[in-house]
Structure formats: C-alpha cells, structure tokens
C-alpha cells in the first residue's frame, strides 16, 4: 500500500500526539470555510431514492448561472473535485505534463499513477499543463496568457470562488481547456463531496483518432462513463443547487472572509510572522521555524499545516466566529 500523501485535515494524528478530545481542537490545517452554508430541511426523497435527472439538471443550471458558464460549454458534476483530478489523465494521451509547483500534490500523483512524466517546472511541456488558480498554498494567480495553446490545460479553481472576478471560466469554450471547481471549500461542506468539471464537449468527451467512427465516444474516455452512474448523491444535488442559487449568501461570505483574513494577518504579523500569500480561506506565513510554531500551537489544541519542502512556511485556515479567543490565547 502506498503511503498517504501530505495533506491538511489529519487531526487524528494531532490528537494522538498531543491529546485532548476532538471538540477541544481548532483544526486550521485546511482551507475550508468555517461557517458552512445553512443546509436547512431536506426532502425525504433526497435520501430514499436514486438521484434523478431533474435534480441533476437543476444543479447544472444553478452552476451555469453562478459561474456564468457559456451555454455551449458542458458541466459535469462529480463526487468531489478529487474524483475529477484522478480522472484528468484519461482526457489526454500526452506522455508528459507540466505542473508548476509547489502546489496541490494530487495533480502530480494522478498523472504519475497513470504512467506520465511530470516535468520539472524549468522544462515545461507543450502537451499538458495544470495550473491551480489561485495556487495552494501561496495563492498565486495565473494570467490568461499562460492558458491554452497546447493539447490540454487543466485549471483547478477550487479556491477561486472567493475572487470570482479572477476566474478563467470565459476560457472554457476553448476546446483544449478544462476548469475544475470544488464545492466543499467555499461553501464549507467538504463532507458533502461535490465538484464540477467545466469544458467543451470535445474536452470532456474526447475521442481517439483510431476510432473508425470519429464522432463516437469510446466508453473508457468519456468522463461521464468514467465517473459511473449516479456519481452525485441526491442530498448533494439538492444542497448544491440551493447553495449555488443563493448569491446573497455568497456575497456576504466573501466580505466576511476578507475581514477575517485581515484579522488573522494582523495577529500573526504582530508575533513576527511575514505574510507570504494565500487566499481569504487560508493564509500562508513565513516564520523562523514552522515545525516549532506548529508544536506550540498544538499545545493549545490548534492544528496548523506545515510542508515537507519548506522549513519556514506555516499555513492556517480561518477560525469559526466563536473560536478566535482560542487562537488569540495561543498566540
């Protein structure tokens, strides 16, 4: 069995090492909105019957309107962005892929597992590129000038709903671009497992040149078939549609996140940390010794994120409104 890749959210390991009950801990190791979308009451049949096409169509309509996706562009819903990332190598035959890093490690893992060469950033491939926009963990934004012009460009916009004006969704009409969206982070419902792939039909339903019928989609390359039947639960279809239709909640949430991110920066810079970047869902700081900072915070049952490739980078998500005192006390 392969060792698990480095991720945030590994609170079980923190509890095992530093003690305490789960309720005592403030988990800031992820970039998930600490104030989730209010789900409300759900129809009983969203739990008891297989997801139907009407519910799926409603979700896709809401997604199209929320992200201003052009009508001719396809939207595919999936059980989380991670499920889509794992399937991206199936959309291209290229032998190598360029993934500028450091960045979210599941992209490189997916292509490596598929037997593709993940190129050093100094030797960019002309075949397939992957950009996390804004980047995780430093929040770097990639301009439209680096997108397109190759066999496939994958743009992971999992954290872009905090800054919708920076989205590259207008490029989704390009037959060589696919955009990925995560629902769980901005809406704070990571456990729901919902994500979206957005792109032209030719991008999401590629055909092989050897196919005797050029416009017949081979089942093993069709992203919908790769995800299998009923990939999104009835509950996720209902909640996802409600949330995407609620633009007032989204606008208020962006304002709150921006305020709270500034508050966190003020706390950490007052203690000698320097802001490296991030988004309004997570902040990245440069400190003298990231591991030592993580240990000190953990003694107050606050879990943060450090990285195997940096001894000075410390990343933290935002506390819920009623948990700031715990962080301020620890600092």
Protein backbone atom coordinates (compact mmCIF):
# COMPACT_ATOMS: atom_id res chain seq x y z
CA UNK A 1 0.00 0.00 0.00
CA UNK A 2 1.29 3.46 -0.89
CA UNK A 3 1.92 5.93 1.93
CA UNK A 4 -0.72 8.67 2.18
CA UNK A 5 0.24 11.96 0.56
CA UNK A 6 0.78 15.03 2.68
CA UNK A 7 -2.50 16.89 3.27
CA UNK A 8 -4.20 19.04 5.85
CA UNK A 9 -7.08 17.72 7.89
CA UNK A 10 -5.06 14.98 9.60
CA UNK A 11 -6.47 15.86 13.00
CA UNK A 12 -6.42 12.26 14.23
CA UNK A 13 -2.63 12.33 14.17
CA UNK A 14 -2.57 15.58 16.14
CA UNK A 15 -4.91 14.20 18.81
CA UNK A 16 -2.85 11.02 19.10
CA UNK A 17 0.31 13.05 19.64
CA UNK A 18 -0.90 15.96 21.78
CA UNK A 19 -4.03 14.58 23.46
CA UNK A 20 -7.41 16.14 24.06
CA UNK A 21 -10.85 15.44 22.64
CA UNK A 22 -11.82 16.29 19.09
CA UNK A 23 -14.19 19.01 20.32
CA UNK A 24 -11.24 20.71 22.08
CA UNK A 25 -9.32 21.12 18.87
CA UNK A 26 -9.39 24.02 16.45
CA UNK A 27 -8.45 22.50 13.11
CA UNK A 28 -6.90 25.21 10.94
CA UNK A 29 -4.93 22.79 8.78
CA UNK A 30 -7.38 23.03 5.87
CA UNK A 31 -8.80 25.87 3.79
CA UNK A 32 -12.48 25.11 4.37
CA UNK A 33 -14.93 27.91 5.17
CA UNK A 34 -15.60 27.61 8.96
CA UNK A 35 -19.13 28.99 8.52
CA UNK A 36 -20.85 26.47 6.23
CA UNK A 37 -23.82 27.13 4.04
CA UNK A 38 -27.03 26.60 6.09
CA UNK A 39 -28.43 23.41 4.65
CA UNK A 40 -31.94 23.61 6.11
CA UNK A 41 -34.51 20.84 5.91
CA UNK A 42 -34.13 18.35 3.06
CA UNK A 43 -36.85 16.49 1.17
CA UNK A 44 -37.18 12.92 2.42
CA UNK A 45 -36.82 11.50 -1.08
CA UNK A 46 -33.34 13.01 -1.45
CA UNK A 47 -32.27 10.27 0.97
CA UNK A 48 -34.51 7.41 -0.13
CA UNK A 49 -34.40 7.25 -3.92
CA UNK A 50 -31.72 7.23 -6.58
CA UNK A 51 -30.77 10.70 -7.84
CA UNK A 52 -32.94 11.62 -10.81
CA UNK A 53 -32.24 13.65 -13.93
CA UNK A 54 -34.44 16.56 -12.85
CA UNK A 55 -32.34 17.12 -9.71
CA UNK A 56 -29.15 16.88 -11.76
CA UNK A 57 -30.47 19.35 -14.32
CA UNK A 58 -31.35 21.84 -11.58
CA UNK A 59 -27.84 21.61 -10.14
CA UNK A 60 -26.24 22.13 -13.56
CA UNK A 61 -28.48 25.14 -14.28
CA UNK A 62 -27.53 26.68 -10.93
CA UNK A 63 -23.84 26.05 -11.59
CA UNK A 64 -24.08 27.56 -15.07
CA UNK A 65 -25.69 30.72 -13.75
CA UNK A 66 -23.45 31.08 -10.68
CA UNK A 67 -20.21 30.76 -12.66
CA UNK A 68 -21.54 32.39 -15.87
CA UNK A 69 -20.70 29.31 -17.91
CA UNK A 70 -21.45 29.75 -21.65
CA UNK A 71 -24.46 27.74 -22.82
CA UNK A 72 -22.49 25.60 -25.27
CA UNK A 73 -19.99 24.55 -22.58
CA UNK A 74 -20.56 21.26 -20.74
CA UNK A 75 -20.72 20.95 -16.93
CA UNK A 76 -20.20 17.57 -15.27
CA UNK A 77 -20.93 17.10 -11.57
CA UNK A 78 -18.83 14.62 -9.59
CA UNK A 79 -18.38 13.35 -6.02
CA UNK A 80 -15.75 15.96 -5.20
CA UNK A 81 -13.00 17.71 -7.15
CA UNK A 82 -10.58 14.97 -6.10
CA UNK A 83 -12.55 12.40 -8.09
CA UNK A 84 -12.18 14.60 -11.15
CA UNK A 85 -8.47 15.24 -10.59
CA UNK A 86 -7.90 11.48 -10.54
CA UNK A 87 -9.59 11.21 -13.96
CA UNK A 88 -7.81 14.05 -15.74
CA UNK A 89 -5.10 11.79 -17.24
CA UNK A 90 -7.90 9.97 -19.10
CA UNK A 91 -8.63 13.13 -21.09
CA UNK A 92 -5.25 13.28 -22.81
CA UNK A 93 -2.81 10.90 -24.48
CA UNK A 94 0.24 13.08 -23.76
CA UNK A 95 3.26 11.35 -22.28
CA UNK A 96 4.24 14.24 -20.05
CA UNK A 97 2.64 17.06 -18.08
CA UNK A 98 3.87 20.38 -16.72
CA UNK A 99 2.69 21.23 -13.19
CA UNK A 100 4.38 24.33 -11.74
CA UNK A 101 4.87 23.93 -8.03
CA UNK A 102 4.85 23.80 -5.15
CA UNK A 103 1.14 23.15 -5.44
CA UNK A 104 -1.65 20.74 -4.55
CA UNK A 105 0.01 17.35 -4.83
CA UNK A 106 -2.92 15.25 -6.10
CA UNK A 107 -2.48 16.52 -9.67
CA UNK A 108 1.07 15.18 -9.98
CA UNK A 109 0.02 11.99 -8.20
CA UNK A 110 -2.77 11.35 -10.70
CA UNK A 111 -0.54 11.75 -13.74
CA UNK A 112 2.32 9.79 -12.18
CA UNK A 113 -0.02 6.92 -11.35
CA UNK A 114 -1.15 6.94 -14.99
CA UNK A 115 2.46 6.48 -16.08
CA UNK A 116 3.02 10.04 -17.29
CA UNK A 117 6.17 12.06 -16.77
CA UNK A 118 5.62 15.06 -14.52
CA UNK A 119 8.14 17.59 -15.80
CA UNK A 120 10.37 19.84 -13.78
CA UNK A 121 8.93 23.38 -13.87
CA UNK A 122 12.08 24.53 -15.69
CA UNK A 123 11.29 22.19 -18.61
CA UNK A 124 7.67 22.94 -19.45
CA UNK A 125 5.82 20.50 -21.65
CA UNK A 126 3.92 21.70 -24.69
CA UNK A 127 1.46 18.85 -24.25
CA UNK A 128 -0.48 19.17 -20.99
CA UNK A 129 -0.30 21.84 -18.28
CA UNK A 130 -2.00 22.02 -14.87
CA UNK A 131 -2.48 25.31 -13.01
CA UNK A 132 -4.02 25.65 -9.55
CA UNK A 133 -5.62 29.11 -9.61
CA UNK A 134 -5.31 30.57 -7.04
CA UNK A 135 -2.48 28.29 -6.09
CA UNK A 136 -2.43 26.22 -2.94
CA UNK A 137 -0.58 27.06 -0.68
CA UNK A 138 0.71 30.51 -1.77
CA UNK A 139 -2.36 31.94 -3.51
CA UNK A 140 -0.53 32.72 -6.75
CA UNK A 141 -2.79 33.76 -9.63
CA UNK A 142 -2.10 32.67 -13.20
CA UNK A 143 -2.88 35.06 -16.04
CA UNK A 144 -4.78 34.09 -19.20
CA UNK A 145 -1.58 34.41 -21.23
CA UNK A 146 -0.32 31.06 -19.88
CA UNK A 147 -3.56 29.21 -20.62
CA UNK A 148 -4.34 27.24 -23.76
CA UNK A 149 -2.21 26.68 -26.85
CA UNK A 150 -1.39 23.05 -26.07
CA UNK A 151 -3.14 19.69 -26.15
CA UNK A 152 -4.78 20.20 -22.75
CA UNK A 153 -4.72 22.81 -19.99
CA UNK A 154 -6.33 21.97 -16.64
CA UNK A 155 -7.23 24.93 -14.43
CA UNK A 156 -8.05 23.97 -10.85
CA UNK A 157 -10.21 26.78 -9.45
CA UNK A 158 -11.04 25.08 -6.16
CA UNK A 159 -10.36 28.30 -4.21
CA UNK A 160 -11.43 30.82 -6.83
CA UNK A 161 -14.96 31.43 -5.55
CA UNK A 162 -13.53 33.93 -3.06
CA UNK A 163 -12.39 36.09 -6.02
CA UNK A 164 -14.85 35.35 -8.85
CA UNK A 165 -13.55 38.24 -10.95
CA UNK A 166 -10.28 36.30 -11.35
CA UNK A 167 -11.93 33.15 -12.72
CA UNK A 168 -10.90 31.88 -16.16
CA UNK A 169 -14.37 30.49 -16.83
CA UNK A 170 -14.58 32.53 -20.05
CA UNK A 171 -11.79 30.33 -21.43
CA UNK A 172 -13.91 27.19 -21.00
CA UNK A 173 -15.11 27.49 -24.61
CA UNK A 174 -11.57 26.65 -25.73
CA UNK A 175 -11.52 23.01 -26.84
CA UNK A 176 -8.20 22.48 -25.06
CA UNK A 177 -9.12 23.77 -21.60
CA UNK A 178 -10.96 22.16 -18.67
CA UNK A 179 -11.77 24.02 -15.45
CA UNK A 180 -12.33 22.25 -12.13
CA UNK A 181 -14.48 23.63 -9.32
CA UNK A 182 -14.74 22.45 -5.72
CA UNK A 183 -17.96 22.98 -3.78
CA UNK A 184 -16.80 21.96 -0.30
CA UNK A 185 -14.27 24.72 0.35
CA UNK A 186 -16.13 27.99 -0.24
CA UNK A 187 -19.48 26.65 0.97
CA UNK A 188 -17.83 24.91 3.92
CA UNK A 189 -19.37 21.50 3.21
CA UNK A 190 -16.37 19.35 2.34
CA UNK A 191 -18.09 16.23 3.65
CA UNK A 192 -20.79 16.57 1.01
CA UNK A 193 -18.28 15.62 -1.72
CA UNK A 194 -19.27 17.69 -4.74
CA UNK A 195 -17.16 19.06 -7.58
CA UNK A 196 -17.51 20.11 -11.21
CA UNK A 197 -15.61 19.78 -14.48
CA UNK A 198 -16.33 22.54 -17.00
CA UNK A 199 -15.23 22.44 -20.62
CA UNK A 200 -16.21 21.94 -24.22
CA UNK A 201 -17.73 18.67 -25.33
CA UNK A 202 -14.52 17.79 -27.16
CA UNK A 203 -12.54 18.33 -23.95
CA UNK A 204 -14.71 16.27 -21.62
CA UNK A 205 -15.78 13.66 -24.18
CA UNK A 206 -12.54 13.08 -26.15
CA UNK A 207 -12.32 10.58 -29.00
CA UNK A 208 -9.34 8.57 -30.20
CA UNK A 209 -8.07 9.18 -33.71
CA UNK A 210 -8.05 5.41 -34.32
CA UNK A 211 -11.79 5.21 -33.79
CA UNK A 212 -13.37 4.21 -37.12
CA UNK A 213 -16.30 6.49 -36.30
CA UNK A 214 -14.65 9.81 -35.39
CA UNK A 215 -17.67 11.18 -33.55
CA UNK A 216 -18.34 8.06 -31.48
CA UNK A 217 -17.17 8.45 -27.90
CA UNK A 218 -15.33 5.42 -26.61
CA UNK A 219 -16.71 4.49 -23.15
CA UNK A 220 -13.30 4.37 -21.47
CA UNK A 221 -12.60 8.01 -22.40
CA UNK A 222 -15.98 9.57 -21.70
CA UNK A 223 -15.71 11.43 -18.36
CA UNK A 224 -19.35 10.74 -17.53
CA UNK A 225 -18.86 7.00 -18.04
CA UNK A 226 -15.62 7.06 -16.06
CA UNK A 227 -17.48 8.50 -13.06
CA UNK A 228 -20.15 5.81 -13.27
CA UNK A 229 -23.91 6.03 -12.74
CA UNK A 230 -25.31 8.32 -10.02
CA UNK A 231 -21.94 9.89 -9.14
CA UNK A 232 -23.56 12.63 -7.04
CA UNK A 233 -25.93 11.76 -4.20
CA UNK A 234 -29.46 13.10 -4.06
CA UNK A 235 -28.59 15.07 -0.94
CA UNK A 236 -25.59 16.69 -2.67
CA UNK A 237 -27.72 17.56 -5.71
CA UNK A 238 -30.29 19.32 -3.51
CA UNK A 239 -27.85 21.17 -1.26
CA UNK A 240 -25.56 22.10 -4.14
CA UNK A 241 -28.42 23.61 -6.14
CA UNK A 242 -29.70 25.58 -3.15
CA UNK A 243 -26.28 27.00 -2.36
CA UNK A 244 -25.42 27.94 -5.94
CA UNK A 245 -28.78 29.69 -6.28
CA UNK A 246 -28.14 31.75 -3.13
CA UNK A 247 -25.94 34.56 -4.45
CA UNK A 248 -26.71 36.81 -1.46
CA UNK A 249 -25.10 34.27 0.89
CA UNK A 250 -22.06 34.06 -1.40
CA UNK A 251 -21.58 37.82 -1.48
CA UNK A 252 -21.89 38.15 2.29
CA UNK A 253 -19.48 35.26 2.78
CA UNK A 254 -16.80 36.85 0.59
CA UNK A 255 -16.97 40.03 2.67
CA UNK A 256 -16.71 38.11 5.95
CA UNK A 257 -13.80 36.00 4.76
CA UNK A 258 -11.87 39.07 3.62
CA UNK A 259 -12.39 40.72 7.02
CA UNK A 260 -11.33 37.59 8.92
CA UNK A 261 -8.25 37.02 6.73
CA UNK A 262 -7.07 40.55 7.50
CA UNK A 263 -7.69 39.93 11.20
CA UNK A 264 -5.56 36.79 11.11
CA UNK A 265 -2.74 38.58 9.27
CA UNK A 266 -2.71 41.25 11.97
CA UNK A 267 -2.46 38.62 14.72
CA UNK A 268 0.42 36.73 13.13
CA UNK A 269 2.45 39.65 11.88
CA UNK A 270 2.30 41.11 15.39
CA UNK A 271 4.11 37.96 16.54
CA UNK A 272 6.85 38.22 13.91
CA UNK A 273 5.39 36.20 11.04
CA UNK A 274 5.53 37.53 7.49
CA UNK A 275 2.66 37.12 5.05
CA UNK A 276 3.68 35.02 2.03
CA UNK A 277 0.25 34.86 0.44
CA UNK A 278 -2.79 32.62 0.42
CA UNK A 279 -6.47 33.27 -0.16
CA UNK A 280 -9.23 34.51 2.15
CA UNK A 281 -9.86 30.85 3.04
CA UNK A 282 -6.28 30.19 4.17
CA UNK A 283 -3.20 32.28 4.96
CA UNK A 284 0.44 31.38 4.39
CA UNK A 285 3.14 32.82 6.66
CA UNK A 286 6.91 32.70 6.74
CA UNK A 287 8.21 32.05 10.25
CA UNK A 288 11.59 31.19 11.73
CA UNK A 289 10.76 27.52 12.35
CA UNK A 290 7.44 26.21 11.04
CA UNK A 291 7.62 22.90 12.92
CA UNK A 292 8.22 24.71 16.21
CA UNK A 293 5.28 27.04 15.57
CA UNK A 294 3.07 24.07 14.79
CA UNK A 295 4.11 22.37 18.04
CA UNK A 296 3.47 25.46 20.15
CA UNK A 297 0.02 25.95 18.63
CA UNK A 298 -0.76 22.24 19.05
CA UNK A 299 -0.18 22.51 22.79
CA UNK A 300 -3.22 24.81 22.78
CA UNK A 301 -5.09 22.28 20.62
CA UNK A 302 -4.76 24.30 17.43
CA UNK A 303 -3.71 22.32 14.37
CA UNK A 304 -1.88 24.07 11.53
CA UNK A 305 -0.26 22.98 8.28
CA UNK A 306 3.45 22.74 7.52
CA UNK A 307 5.10 21.43 4.36
CA UNK A 308 7.81 18.85 3.71
CA UNK A 309 9.50 21.15 1.18
CA UNK A 310 9.76 24.23 3.42
CA UNK A 311 11.06 24.71 6.95
CA UNK A 312 9.57 28.20 7.22
CA UNK A 313 6.07 28.03 5.69
CA UNK A 314 3.10 27.81 8.05
CA UNK A 315 -0.45 27.71 6.65
CA UNK A 316 -3.67 28.22 8.58
CA UNK A 317 -7.32 28.33 7.72
CA UNK A 318 -9.70 30.72 9.46
CA UNK A 319 -11.36 30.05 12.83
CA UNK A 320 -15.13 29.96 13.22
CA UNK A 321 -16.52 33.18 14.74
CA UNK A 322 -16.74 31.65 18.24
CA UNK A 323 -13.19 30.21 18.19
CA UNK A 324 -10.99 33.30 17.77
CA UNK A 325 -10.34 33.52 21.52
CA UNK A 326 -8.60 30.15 21.43
CA UNK A 327 -6.22 31.30 18.70
CA UNK A 328 -5.56 34.68 20.34
CA UNK A 329 -4.78 32.98 23.66
CA UNK A 330 -2.34 30.61 22.00
CA UNK A 331 -0.52 33.48 20.31
